[in-house]
Amino acid sequence: MALRPARAPDLPMTALRALEAAGRLGGFAPAAAELGVTPAAITAHIKGLEARLGLTLFSREVRGVVLTEAGVRVLPKLTAAFDALEVAQTALRQEASPLSLTIGTLPSIAQLWLRPRLAALEATMPGLAVSITAMEAPPDTRRDATDLTLFIGSGGRDWLVPVAGPGWTDGPRLSDATWVGDWTTWHRALPGEALPGRGAGPVHSLYALAVEDAQSGRGVLMGRLSLVGSALANGKLVEVGGRVPMAEGMQVTVRRGSTAARRVARLLTTWIADADSGS
């Protein structure tokens, strides 16, 4: 009678996650940040896994840690496995809540473009529940709960236009840290037009703060029309210079192929296209 061989005990899932994250991100500290634990915890997980296997997975060097040859060979399989696990978990969540989805986007887009449209978006699909996650860059793995992303990319279209509060006459030029070069781009495109404003002013880490300063009369901002269009329409901002077209703009990417995600993506894309007239 044939006997089934005993199954090898599973390796600790937390240790495998620590190994995959540290290998993919190139260090224990970034792995700790991604997994929400301390670098010491990552170190402990890796050491425990190495001791259990009798296998060195990382070389400890002066500038940090580096995967050994064994670690390099195993890492792609671990990454694929955890990506597949996340896809499966997402599928289960979608079965449980088919009308719940998360949109990942830049803080500026979240605050100035997407959030004001959220009610209209949810009204198009009864029961739709949208969560917005602000992030500085699109996710690079499938290890997060983002169904759609909305980021600035080449191939789209937008306009640069100096904006200020009604009645503005003078003040510094405002910027945000992400698009601090927009003033230079605008001036190069319109060399015959004088720069509005009196010298360089504050550089905010959030674009929405720069917009608020401009609305309050604290200076003039080099606006991106897609993000300041609503304030222009309701009179909180006015244009104080010419428009310069840009070969980049908001783009929607579907990361989870649910019916709700595809429908929302089509609607967002339509709204973006409607704004591309620059009106």
C-alpha atoms as a PDB file:
ATOM      1  CA  MET A   1       0.000   0.000   0.000  1.00  0.00           C
ATOM      2  CA  ALA A   2       1.482   3.285  -1.098  1.00  0.00           C
ATOM      3  CA  LEU A   3       1.924   5.881   1.566  1.00  0.00           C
ATOM      4  CA  ARG A   4       1.793   9.613   0.881  1.00  0.00           C
ATOM      5  CA  PRO A   5       5.098  11.190   1.885  1.00  0.00           C
ATOM      6  CA  ALA A   6       4.870  13.621   4.751  1.00  0.00           C
ATOM      7  CA  ARG A   7       4.395  17.222   3.664  1.00  0.00           C
ATOM      8  CA  ALA A   8       7.200  19.549   4.633  1.00  0.00           C
ATOM      9  CA  PRO A   9       6.128  22.091   7.251  1.00  0.00           C
ATOM     10  CA  ASP A  10       5.250  25.491   5.855  1.00  0.00           C
ATOM     11  CA  LEU A  11       7.786  28.249   6.318  1.00  0.00           C
ATOM     12  CA  PRO A  12       6.557  31.240   8.358  1.00  0.00           C
ATOM     13  CA  MET A  13       4.521  33.539   6.113  1.00  0.00           C
ATOM     14  CA  THR A  14       5.729  36.675   7.914  1.00  0.00           C
ATOM     15  CA  ALA A  15       9.346  35.657   7.325  1.00  0.00           C
ATOM     16  CA  LEU A  16       8.679  34.985   3.638  1.00  0.00           C
ATOM     17  CA  ARG A  17       7.012  38.395   3.289  1.00  0.00           C
ATOM     18  CA  ALA A  18      10.010  40.010   4.976  1.00  0.00           C
ATOM     19  CA  LEU A  19      12.386  38.220   2.619  1.00  0.00           C
ATOM     20  CA  GLU A  20      10.429  39.178  -0.496  1.00  0.00           C
ATOM     21  CA  ALA A  21      10.008  42.827   0.487  1.00  0.00           C
ATOM     22  CA  ALA A  22      13.634  43.259   1.553  1.00  0.00           C
ATOM     23  CA  GLY A  23      14.893  41.602  -1.621  1.00  0.00           C
ATOM     24  CA  ARG A  24      12.598  43.557  -3.932  1.00  0.00           C
ATOM     25  CA  LEU A  25      13.190  46.914  -2.237  1.00  0.00           C
ATOM     26  CA  GLY A  26      16.890  46.399  -1.599  1.00  0.00           C
ATOM     27  CA  GLY A  27      17.042  46.699   2.174  1.00  0.00           C
ATOM     28  CA  PHE A  28      15.515  45.972   5.555  1.00  0.00           C
ATOM     29  CA  ALA A  29      14.459  49.578   6.244  1.00  0.00           C
ATOM     30  CA  PRO A  30      12.308  50.026   3.114  1.00  0.00           C
ATOM     31  CA  ALA A  31      10.843  46.551   3.667  1.00  0.00           C
ATOM     32  CA  ALA A  32       9.928  47.554   7.223  1.00  0.00           C
ATOM     33  CA  ALA A  33       8.249  50.737   5.965  1.00  0.00           C
ATOM     34  CA  GLU A  34       6.199  48.824   3.401  1.00  0.00           C
ATOM     35  CA  LEU A  35       5.111  46.117   5.831  1.00  0.00           C
ATOM     36  CA  GLY A  36       4.481  48.491   8.744  1.00  0.00           C
ATOM     37  CA  VAL A  37       7.003  46.953  11.141  1.00  0.00           C
ATOM     38  CA  THR A  38      10.445  47.928  12.447  1.00  0.00           C
ATOM     39  CA  PRO A  39      13.745  47.148  10.684  1.00  0.00           C
ATOM     40  CA  ALA A  40      14.633  45.057  13.742  1.00  0.00           C
ATOM     41  CA  ALA A  41      11.570  42.896  13.106  1.00  0.00           C
ATOM     42  CA  ILE A  42      12.618  42.358   9.490  1.00  0.00           C
ATOM     43  CA  THR A  43      16.115  41.413  10.654  1.00  0.00           C
ATOM     44  CA  ALA A  44      14.692  38.925  13.136  1.00  0.00           C
ATOM     45  CA  HIS A  45      12.441  37.319  10.538  1.00  0.00           C
ATOM     46  CA  ILE A  46      15.308  36.956   8.052  1.00  0.00           C
ATOM     47  CA  LYS A  47      17.702  35.529  10.637  1.00  0.00           C
ATOM     48  CA  GLY A  48      15.076  33.050  11.804  1.00  0.00           C
ATOM     49  CA  LEU A  49      14.365  31.944   8.247  1.00  0.00           C
ATOM     50  CA  GLU A  50      18.079  31.559   7.482  1.00  0.00           C
ATOM     51  CA  ALA A  51      18.600  29.503  10.649  1.00  0.00           C
ATOM     52  CA  ARG A  52      15.630  27.287   9.895  1.00  0.00           C
ATOM     53  CA  LEU A  53      16.791  26.623   6.327  1.00  0.00           C
ATOM     54  CA  GLY A  54      20.501  26.543   7.037  1.00  0.00           C
ATOM     55  CA  LEU A  55      20.840  28.929   4.103  1.00  0.00           C
ATOM     56  CA  THR A  56      22.261  32.449   3.879  1.00  0.00           C
ATOM     57  CA  LEU A  57      19.858  34.712   2.020  1.00  0.00           C
ATOM     58  CA  PHE A  58      21.482  38.114   2.511  1.00  0.00           C
ATOM     59  CA  SER A  59      25.091  39.229   2.635  1.00  0.00           C
ATOM     60  CA  ARG A  60      25.639  41.875   5.325  1.00  0.00           C
ATOM     61  CA  GLU A  61      27.805  44.672   3.956  1.00  0.00           C
ATOM     62  CA  VAL A  62      28.922  48.104   5.152  1.00  0.00           C
ATOM     63  CA  ARG A  63      26.288  49.929   3.098  1.00  0.00           C
ATOM     64  CA  GLY A  64      23.478  47.499   3.824  1.00  0.00           C
ATOM     65  CA  VAL A  65      22.354  44.042   2.770  1.00  0.00           C
ATOM     66  CA  VAL A  66      22.535  42.294  -0.596  1.00  0.00           C
ATOM     67  CA  LEU A  67      20.762  39.137  -1.693  1.00  0.00           C
ATOM     68  CA  THR A  68      22.974  36.093  -2.056  1.00  0.00           C
ATOM     69  CA  GLU A  69      22.835  34.058  -5.255  1.00  0.00           C
ATOM     70  CA  ALA A  70      20.291  31.766  -3.614  1.00  0.00           C
ATOM     71  CA  GLY A  71      18.171  34.749  -2.631  1.00  0.00           C
ATOM     72  CA  VAL A  72      18.347  36.163  -6.159  1.00  0.00           C
ATOM     73  CA  ARG A  73      17.129  32.878  -7.621  1.00  0.00           C
ATOM     74  CA  VAL A  74      14.201  32.593  -5.203  1.00  0.00           C
ATOM     75  CA  LEU A  75      13.030  36.224  -5.186  1.00  0.00           C
ATOM     76  CA  PRO A  76      11.092  36.217  -8.520  1.00  0.00           C
ATOM     77  CA  LYS A  77       9.099  33.175  -7.395  1.00  0.00           C
ATOM     78  CA  LEU A  78       8.247  34.803  -4.060  1.00  0.00           C
ATOM     79  CA  THR A  79       7.224  38.062  -5.729  1.00  0.00           C
ATOM     80  CA  ALA A  80       5.010  36.236  -8.211  1.00  0.00           C
ATOM     81  CA  ALA A  81       3.469  34.183  -5.404  1.00  0.00           C
ATOM     82  CA  PHE A  82       2.599  37.182  -3.226  1.00  0.00           C
ATOM     83  CA  ASP A  83       1.277  39.078  -6.243  1.00  0.00           C
ATOM     84  CA  ALA A  84      -0.929  36.104  -7.112  1.00  0.00           C
ATOM     85  CA  LEU A  85      -2.116  35.868  -3.504  1.00  0.00           C
ATOM     86  CA  GLU A  86      -3.107  39.534  -3.548  1.00  0.00           C
ATOM     87  CA  VAL A  87      -4.998  39.055  -6.820  1.00  0.00           C
ATOM     88  CA  ALA A  88      -6.909  36.161  -5.251  1.00  0.00           C
ATOM     89  CA  GLN A  89      -7.714  38.166  -2.119  1.00  0.00           C
ATOM     90  CA  THR A  90      -8.889  41.077  -4.238  1.00  0.00           C
ATOM     91  CA  ALA A  91     -11.158  38.758  -6.205  1.00  0.00           C
ATOM     92  CA  LEU A  92     -12.721  37.558  -2.958  1.00  0.00           C
ATOM     93  CA  ARG A  93     -13.252  41.125  -1.756  1.00  0.00           C
ATOM     94  CA  GLN A  94     -14.878  42.036  -5.064  1.00  0.00           C
ATOM     95  CA  GLU A  95     -17.229  39.069  -4.773  1.00  0.00           C
ATOM     96  CA  ALA A  96     -18.217  40.309  -1.324  1.00  0.00           C
ATOM     97  CA  SER A  97     -18.428  44.019  -2.275  1.00  0.00           C
ATOM     98  CA  PRO A  98     -18.597  44.336  -6.073  1.00  0.00           C
ATOM     99  CA  LEU A  99     -19.323  48.079  -5.960  1.00  0.00           C
ATOM    100  CA  SER A 100     -16.494  49.046  -3.611  1.00  0.00           C
ATOM    101  CA  LEU A 101     -13.286  50.305  -5.160  1.00  0.00           C
ATOM    102  CA  THR A 102     -10.222  52.379  -4.337  1.00  0.00           C
ATOM    103  CA  ILE A 103      -8.648  55.038  -6.533  1.00  0.00           C
ATOM    104  CA  GLY A 104      -4.992  55.903  -5.992  1.00  0.00           C
ATOM    105  CA  THR A 105      -3.921  59.338  -7.153  1.00  0.00           C
ATOM    106  CA  LEU A 106      -1.697  62.340  -6.490  1.00  0.00           C
ATOM    107  CA  PRO A 107      -2.717  64.440  -3.469  1.00  0.00           C
ATOM    108  CA  SER A 108      -3.327  67.424  -5.752  1.00  0.00           C
ATOM    109  CA  ILE A 109      -5.646  65.460  -8.039  1.00  0.00           C
ATOM    110  CA  ALA A 110      -7.405  63.906  -5.050  1.00  0.00           C
ATOM    111  CA  GLN A 111      -8.114  67.274  -3.438  1.00  0.00           C
ATOM    112  CA  LEU A 112      -8.749  69.529  -6.428  1.00  0.00           C
ATOM    113  CA  TRP A 113     -10.143  67.303  -9.187  1.00  0.00           C
ATOM    114  CA  LEU A 114     -11.382  63.939  -7.963  1.00  0.00           C
ATOM    115  CA  ARG A 115     -12.930  64.780  -4.580  1.00  0.00           C
ATOM    116  CA  PRO A 116     -15.295  67.458  -5.994  1.00  0.00           C
ATOM    117  CA  ARG A 117     -16.512  64.903  -8.576  1.00  0.00           C
ATOM    118  CA  LEU A 118     -17.011  62.040  -6.134  1.00  0.00           C
ATOM    119  CA  ALA A 119     -20.740  62.621  -5.573  1.00  0.00           C
ATOM    120  CA  ALA A 120     -21.405  62.729  -9.318  1.00  0.00           C
ATOM    121  CA  LEU A 121     -19.310  59.599  -9.782  1.00  0.00           C
ATOM    122  CA  GLU A 122     -21.212  57.637  -7.150  1.00  0.00           C
ATOM    123  CA  ALA A 123     -24.539  58.904  -8.492  1.00  0.00           C
ATOM    124  CA  THR A 124     -23.894  57.193 -11.827  1.00  0.00           C
ATOM    125  CA  MET A 125     -23.809  53.753 -10.141  1.00  0.00           C
ATOM    126  CA  PRO A 126     -26.224  53.227  -7.229  1.00  0.00           C
ATOM    127  CA  GLY A 127     -24.400  51.533  -4.380  1.00  0.00           C
ATOM    128  CA  LEU A 128     -20.940  52.506  -5.608  1.00  0.00           C
ATOM    129  CA  ALA A 129     -18.537  53.225  -2.732  1.00  0.00           C
ATOM    130  CA  VAL A 130     -15.292  54.930  -3.720  1.00  0.00           C
ATOM    131  CA  SER A 131     -12.282  55.350  -1.454  1.00  0.00           C
ATOM    132  CA  ILE A 132      -9.494  57.733  -2.455  1.00  0.00           C
ATOM    133  CA  THR A 133      -5.888  57.001  -1.528  1.00  0.00           C
ATOM    134  CA  ALA A 134      -3.415  59.853  -2.011  1.00  0.00           C
ATOM    135  CA  MET A 135       0.033  58.673  -3.100  1.00  0.00           C
ATOM    136  CA  GLU A 136       3.072  60.289  -4.699  1.00  0.00           C
ATOM    137  CA  ALA A 137       3.595  57.590  -7.350  1.00  0.00           C
ATOM    138  CA  PRO A 138       1.643  54.671  -8.810  1.00  0.00           C
ATOM    139  CA  PRO A 139       2.003  51.365  -6.937  1.00  0.00           C
ATOM    140  CA  ASP A 140       4.756  49.158  -8.364  1.00  0.00           C
ATOM    141  CA  THR A 141       3.278  45.829  -7.269  1.00  0.00           C
ATOM    142  CA  ARG A 142      -0.156  44.308  -6.970  1.00  0.00           C
ATOM    143  CA  ARG A 143       0.270  44.269  -3.196  1.00  0.00           C
ATOM    144  CA  ASP A 144      -2.176  47.090  -2.451  1.00  0.00           C
ATOM    145  CA  ALA A 145      -5.920  47.604  -2.610  1.00  0.00           C
ATOM    146  CA  THR A 146      -5.894  50.109  -5.472  1.00  0.00           C
ATOM    147  CA  ASP A 147      -8.382  49.332  -8.250  1.00  0.00           C
ATOM    148  CA  LEU A 148      -7.672  52.411 -10.377  1.00  0.00           C
ATOM    149  CA  THR A 149      -4.900  54.976 -10.519  1.00  0.00           C
ATOM    150  CA  LEU A 150      -5.105  58.546 -11.761  1.00  0.00           C
ATOM    151  CA  PHE A 151      -1.741  60.179 -12.413  1.00  0.00           C
ATOM    152  CA  ILE A 152      -0.063  62.687 -14.708  1.00  0.00           C
ATOM    153  CA  GLY A 153       1.483  61.036 -17.745  1.00  0.00           C
ATOM    154  CA  SER A 154       2.836  61.847 -21.183  1.00  0.00           C
ATOM    155  CA  GLY A 155       0.427  61.656 -24.063  1.00  0.00           C
ATOM    156  CA  GLY A 156      -2.331  63.520 -22.268  1.00  0.00           C
ATOM    157  CA  ARG A 157      -2.932  67.248 -22.402  1.00  0.00           C
ATOM    158  CA  ASP A 158      -3.123  70.142 -19.978  1.00  0.00           C
ATOM    159  CA  TRP A 159      -2.357  73.867 -19.898  1.00  0.00           C
ATOM    160  CA  LEU A 160      -0.104  76.045 -17.786  1.00  0.00           C
ATOM    161  CA  VAL A 161      -1.649  79.374 -16.866  1.00  0.00           C
ATOM    162  CA  PRO A 162      -0.698  81.966 -14.198  1.00  0.00           C
ATOM    163  CA  VAL A 163      -3.568  82.455 -11.751  1.00  0.00           C
ATOM    164  CA  ALA A 164      -4.236  84.703  -8.781  1.00  0.00           C
ATOM    165  CA  GLY A 165      -7.071  85.820  -6.564  1.00  0.00           C
ATOM    166  CA  PRO A 166      -9.572  88.431  -7.833  1.00  0.00           C
ATOM    167  CA  GLY A 167      -8.153  91.924  -7.562  1.00  0.00           C
ATOM    168  CA  TRP A 168      -4.564  90.681  -7.344  1.00  0.00           C
ATOM    169  CA  THR A 169      -2.011  93.350  -8.245  1.00  0.00           C
ATOM    170  CA  ASP A 170       1.337  92.201  -6.871  1.00  0.00           C
ATOM    171  CA  GLY A 171       3.006  89.509  -4.821  1.00  0.00           C
ATOM    172  CA  PRO A 172       5.484  86.637  -5.071  1.00  0.00           C
ATOM    173  CA  ARG A 173       5.389  83.732  -7.494  1.00  0.00           C
ATOM    174  CA  LEU A 174       4.041  80.626  -5.728  1.00  0.00           C
ATOM    175  CA  SER A 175       5.058  77.053  -6.506  1.00  0.00           C
ATOM    176  CA  ASP A 176       4.707  73.516  -5.241  1.00  0.00           C
ATOM    177  CA  ALA A 177       7.575  71.077  -4.800  1.00  0.00           C
ATOM    178  CA  THR A 178       6.384  68.650  -7.480  1.00  0.00           C
ATOM    179  CA  TRP A 179       6.021  71.162 -10.313  1.00  0.00           C
ATOM    180  CA  VAL A 180       8.442  73.871  -9.250  1.00  0.00           C
ATOM    181  CA  GLY A 181       9.776  73.973 -12.834  1.00  0.00           C
ATOM    182  CA  ASP A 182       6.437  75.024 -14.330  1.00  0.00           C
ATOM    183  CA  TRP A 183       7.331  78.712 -14.160  1.00  0.00           C
ATOM    184  CA  THR A 184      10.434  78.100 -16.295  1.00  0.00           C
ATOM    185  CA  THR A 185       8.463  75.966 -18.764  1.00  0.00           C
ATOM    186  CA  TRP A 186       5.819  78.666 -19.161  1.00  0.00           C
ATOM    187  CA  HIS A 187       8.330  81.483 -19.622  1.00  0.00           C
ATOM    188  CA  ARG A 188      10.310  79.564 -22.229  1.00  0.00           C
ATOM    189  CA  ALA A 189       7.133  79.000 -24.217  1.00  0.00           C
ATOM    190  CA  LEU A 190       6.157  82.702 -24.001  1.00  0.00           C
ATOM    191  CA  PRO A 191       9.487  84.570 -23.934  1.00  0.00           C
ATOM    192  CA  GLY A 192       7.848  87.820 -24.966  1.00  0.00           C
ATOM    193  CA  GLU A 193       5.427  87.828 -22.042  1.00  0.00           C
ATOM    194  CA  ALA A 194       6.623  89.233 -18.746  1.00  0.00           C
ATOM    195  CA  LEU A 195       6.612  86.955 -15.728  1.00  0.00           C
ATOM    196  CA  PRO A 196       3.776  87.983 -13.413  1.00  0.00           C
ATOM    197  CA  GLY A 197       4.627  88.341  -9.769  1.00  0.00           C
ATOM    198  CA  ARG A 198       7.464  89.800  -7.741  1.00  0.00           C
ATOM    199  CA  GLY A 199      10.235  87.222  -7.433  1.00  0.00           C
ATOM    200  CA  ALA A 200      10.153  83.644  -6.189  1.00  0.00           C
ATOM    201  CA  GLY A 201       7.844  82.973  -3.271  1.00  0.00           C
ATOM    202  CA  PRO A 202       6.956  80.015  -1.054  1.00  0.00           C
ATOM    203  CA  VAL A 203       7.301  76.469  -2.392  1.00  0.00           C
ATOM    204  CA  HIS A 204       4.608  74.268  -0.823  1.00  0.00           C
ATOM    205  CA  SER A 205       4.790  70.503  -0.479  1.00  0.00           C
ATOM    206  CA  LEU A 206       1.101  70.282  -1.421  1.00  0.00           C
ATOM    207  CA  TYR A 207      -0.259  71.879  -4.568  1.00  0.00           C
ATOM    208  CA  ALA A 208      -3.593  72.548  -2.877  1.00  0.00           C
ATOM    209  CA  LEU A 209      -1.835  74.803  -0.355  1.00  0.00           C
ATOM    210  CA  ALA A 210      -0.330  76.854  -3.174  1.00  0.00           C
ATOM    211  CA  VAL A 211      -3.800  77.171  -4.721  1.00  0.00           C
ATOM    212  CA  GLU A 212      -5.214  78.370  -1.389  1.00  0.00           C
ATOM    213  CA  ASP A 213      -2.450  80.977  -1.110  1.00  0.00           C
ATOM    214  CA  ALA A 214      -3.241  82.240  -4.598  1.00  0.00           C
ATOM    215  CA  GLN A 215      -6.969  82.434  -3.821  1.00  0.00           C
ATOM    216  CA  SER A 216      -6.183  84.380  -0.647  1.00  0.00           C
ATOM    217  CA  GLY A 217      -4.176  86.989  -2.547  1.00  0.00           C
ATOM    218  CA  ARG A 218      -0.797  85.903  -1.200  1.00  0.00           C
ATOM    219  CA  GLY A 219       0.775  85.602  -4.625  1.00  0.00           C
ATOM    220  CA  VAL A 220       0.456  84.314  -8.167  1.00  0.00           C
ATOM    221  CA  LEU A 221       0.590  80.608  -8.987  1.00  0.00           C
ATOM    222  CA  MET A 222       1.572  78.870 -12.188  1.00  0.00           C
ATOM    223  CA  GLY A 223      -1.581  76.799 -12.386  1.00  0.00           C
ATOM    224  CA  ARG A 224      -2.327  73.570 -14.167  1.00  0.00           C
ATOM    225  CA  LEU A 225      -5.676  74.169 -15.791  1.00  0.00           C
ATOM    226  CA  SER A 226      -7.040  70.722 -14.949  1.00  0.00           C
ATOM    227  CA  LEU A 227      -6.506  71.460 -11.251  1.00  0.00           C
ATOM    228  CA  VAL A 228      -7.459  75.133 -11.060  1.00  0.00           C
ATOM    229  CA  GLY A 229     -10.294  75.054 -13.601  1.00  0.00           C
ATOM    230  CA  SER A 230     -13.012  74.835 -10.953  1.00  0.00           C
ATOM    231  CA  ALA A 231     -11.610  77.818  -9.036  1.00  0.00           C
ATOM    232  CA  LEU A 232     -11.472  79.807 -12.270  1.00  0.00           C
ATOM    233  CA  ALA A 233     -15.057  78.868 -13.091  1.00  0.00           C
ATOM    234  CA  ASN A 234     -16.403  79.978  -9.694  1.00  0.00           C
ATOM    235  CA  GLY A 235     -14.351  83.186  -9.616  1.00  0.00           C
ATOM    236  CA  LYS A 236     -12.007  82.270  -6.779  1.00  0.00           C
ATOM    237  CA  LEU A 237      -9.095  82.597  -9.200  1.00  0.00           C
ATOM    238  CA  VAL A 238      -8.517  84.649 -12.348  1.00  0.00           C
ATOM    239  CA  GLU A 239      -6.045  84.185 -15.186  1.00  0.00           C
ATOM    240  CA  VAL A 240      -3.229  86.743 -15.181  1.00  0.00           C
ATOM    241  CA  GLY A 241      -1.224  85.473 -18.152  1.00  0.00           C
ATOM    242  CA  GLY A 242      -1.389  83.419 -21.322  1.00  0.00           C
ATOM    243  CA  ARG A 243      -1.977  79.689 -21.564  1.00  0.00           C
ATOM    244  CA  VAL A 244       0.746  77.255 -22.608  1.00  0.00           C
ATOM    245  CA  PRO A 245      -0.267  73.750 -23.776  1.00  0.00           C
ATOM    246  CA  MET A 246       1.488  70.736 -22.250  1.00  0.00           C
ATOM    247  CA  ALA A 247       1.905  67.268 -23.782  1.00  0.00           C
ATOM    248  CA  GLU A 248       1.008  65.587 -20.501  1.00  0.00           C
ATOM    249  CA  GLY A 249      -2.103  65.247 -18.438  1.00  0.00           C
ATOM    250  CA  MET A 250      -4.239  63.020 -16.234  1.00  0.00           C
ATOM    251  CA  GLN A 251      -4.434  59.373 -17.239  1.00  0.00           C
ATOM    252  CA  VAL A 252      -6.535  56.558 -15.785  1.00  0.00           C
ATOM    253  CA  THR A 253      -5.153  53.049 -15.343  1.00  0.00           C
ATOM    254  CA  VAL A 254      -7.283  50.049 -14.392  1.00  0.00           C
ATOM    255  CA  ARG A 255      -5.352  47.780 -12.026  1.00  0.00           C
ATOM    256  CA  ARG A 256      -8.229  45.468 -11.084  1.00  0.00           C
ATOM    257  CA  GLY A 257     -10.512  44.391 -13.877  1.00  0.00           C
ATOM    258  CA  SER A 258     -13.832  44.466 -12.043  1.00  0.00           C
ATOM    259  CA  THR A 259     -16.960  45.697 -13.818  1.00  0.00           C
ATOM    260  CA  ALA A 260     -17.197  48.670 -11.447  1.00  0.00           C
ATOM    261  CA  ALA A 261     -13.551  49.625 -12.036  1.00  0.00           C
ATOM    262  CA  ARG A 262     -13.946  49.541 -15.811  1.00  0.00           C
ATOM    263  CA  ARG A 263     -17.131  51.617 -15.716  1.00  0.00           C
ATOM    264  CA  VAL A 264     -15.593  54.211 -13.409  1.00  0.00           C
ATOM    265  CA  ALA A 265     -12.457  54.344 -15.565  1.00  0.00           C
ATOM    266  CA  ARG A 266     -14.533  55.070 -18.665  1.00  0.00           C
ATOM    267  CA  LEU A 267     -16.384  57.882 -16.897  1.00  0.00           C
ATOM    268  CA  LEU A 268     -13.194  59.462 -15.520  1.00  0.00           C
ATOM    269  CA  THR A 269     -11.593  59.254 -18.958  1.00  0.00           C
ATOM    270  CA  THR A 270     -14.614  61.000 -20.465  1.00  0.00           C
ATOM    271  CA  TRP A 271     -14.412  63.804 -17.905  1.00  0.00           C
ATOM    272  CA  ILE A 272     -10.716  64.244 -18.596  1.00  0.00           C
ATOM    273  CA  ALA A 273     -11.324  64.352 -22.344  1.00  0.00           C
ATOM    274  CA  ASP A 274     -14.132  66.915 -21.915  1.00  0.00           C
ATOM    275  CA  ALA A 275     -11.687  69.192 -20.069  1.00  0.00           C
ATOM    276  CA  ASP A 276      -9.020  68.845 -22.761  1.00  0.00           C
ATOM    277  CA  SER A 277     -10.619  71.663 -24.738  1.00  0.00           C
ATOM    278  CA  GLY A 278      -9.058  74.025 -22.194  1.00  0.00           C
ATOM    279  CA  SER A 279     -12.355  75.685 -21.562  1.00  0.00           C
END
